[in-house]
Amino acid sequence: MKFDKSLLRTVLFAVGVVAFIIGVYQTILFNDLAANYSIFMVSTLCWMPLLYWRQQERVAAKVAEQKAKLANQARAKTTAKSTRKRR
């Protein structure tokens, strides 16, 4: 069975949102932020990998875009030479 990273992302996001909502509710209900610090930390720990993976995807996309641009430039240079008639 192959590991599904999108499922992990969905679960982490859902747990993070639920923990944040529970933390806000408990803070409003008991008027004590310090008592609910651990709940907010669970939410933060669920979101941190998501932010890191999103940043890594952006970097990979930029690198792929630059490689594609360089490949297109190299291809344009080689095709211009090959279409020229030789005498």
Protein backbone atom coordinates (compact mmCIF):
# COMPACT_ATOMS: atom_id res chain seq x y z
CA MET A 1 0.00 0.00 0.00
CA LYS A 2 1.35 3.39 -0.99
CA PHE A 3 1.43 6.24 1.52
CA ASP A 4 -1.02 8.99 0.57
CA LYS A 5 0.45 12.38 1.45
CA SER A 6 -2.74 14.25 0.54
CA LEU A 7 -4.68 12.21 3.10
CA LEU A 8 -2.12 13.12 5.76
CA ARG A 9 -2.44 16.78 4.81
CA THR A 10 -6.21 16.60 5.08
CA VAL A 11 -6.08 14.91 8.49
CA LEU A 12 -3.48 17.36 9.84
CA PHE A 13 -5.50 20.33 8.60
CA ALA A 14 -8.74 18.98 10.09
CA VAL A 15 -7.15 18.19 13.47
CA GLY A 16 -5.50 21.62 13.51
CA VAL A 17 -8.76 23.43 12.79
CA VAL A 18 -10.71 21.39 15.35
CA ALA A 19 -8.04 21.96 18.02
CA PHE A 20 -8.03 25.69 17.29
CA ILE A 21 -11.82 25.93 17.52
CA ILE A 22 -11.85 23.94 20.78
CA GLY A 23 -9.10 26.17 22.16
CA VAL A 24 -11.00 29.35 21.28
CA TYR A 25 -14.21 27.95 22.76
CA GLN A 26 -12.51 26.89 25.99
CA THR A 27 -10.74 30.24 26.25
CA ILE A 28 -14.01 32.15 25.87
CA LEU A 29 -15.89 29.78 28.19
CA PHE A 30 -13.37 29.81 31.06
CA ASN A 31 -11.72 33.15 30.26
CA ASP A 32 -8.28 31.59 30.72
CA LEU A 33 -5.84 31.48 27.82
CA ALA A 34 -3.00 29.93 29.81
CA ALA A 35 -5.07 26.84 30.65
CA ASN A 36 -5.70 26.20 26.95
CA TYR A 37 -2.16 26.79 25.75
CA SER A 38 -1.62 23.08 25.07
CA ILE A 39 -4.68 22.93 22.82
CA PHE A 40 -3.37 25.84 20.75
CA MET A 41 0.03 24.14 20.53
CA VAL A 42 -1.59 20.99 19.14
CA SER A 43 -3.19 23.17 16.49
CA THR A 44 0.14 24.83 15.70
CA LEU A 45 1.95 21.49 15.53
CA CYS A 46 -0.61 20.26 13.02
CA TRP A 47 -0.22 23.33 10.79
CA MET A 48 3.58 23.62 10.84
CA PRO A 49 4.25 20.63 8.53
CA LEU A 50 1.59 21.91 6.15
CA LEU A 51 3.29 25.29 5.91
CA TYR A 52 6.69 23.67 5.45
CA TRP A 53 5.47 21.35 2.68
CA ARG A 54 3.74 24.24 0.91
CA GLN A 55 6.98 26.24 1.00
CA GLN A 56 8.94 23.28 -0.39
CA GLU A 57 6.43 22.89 -3.24
CA ARG A 58 6.80 26.56 -4.14
CA VAL A 59 10.58 26.25 -4.26
CA ALA A 60 10.35 23.09 -6.36
CA ALA A 61 7.92 24.81 -8.75
CA LYS A 62 10.29 27.76 -9.19
CA VAL A 63 13.22 25.44 -9.87
CA ALA A 64 11.17 23.45 -12.39
CA GLU A 65 10.06 26.68 -14.08
CA GLN A 66 13.66 27.87 -14.37
CA LYS A 67 14.77 24.50 -15.78
CA ALA A 68 11.95 24.59 -18.32
CA LYS A 69 12.88 28.13 -19.32
CA LEU A 70 16.52 27.14 -19.81
CA ALA A 71 15.49 24.06 -21.78
CA ASN A 72 13.28 26.20 -24.04
CA GLN A 73 16.12 28.63 -24.61
CA ALA A 74 18.51 25.80 -25.45
CA ARG A 75 15.93 24.23 -27.76
CA ALA A 76 15.34 27.56 -29.50
CA LYS A 77 19.07 27.95 -30.13
CA THR A 78 19.46 24.46 -31.57
CA THR A 79 16.39 24.66 -33.80
CA ALA A 80 17.55 27.96 -35.29
CA LYS A 81 20.80 26.35 -36.37
CA SER A 82 19.18 23.26 -37.81
CA THR A 83 16.66 25.14 -39.98
CA ARG A 84 19.39 27.10 -41.75
CA LYS A 85 20.22 25.88 -45.21
CA ARG A 86 23.72 24.65 -45.77
CA ARG A 87 25.59 25.41 -48.97
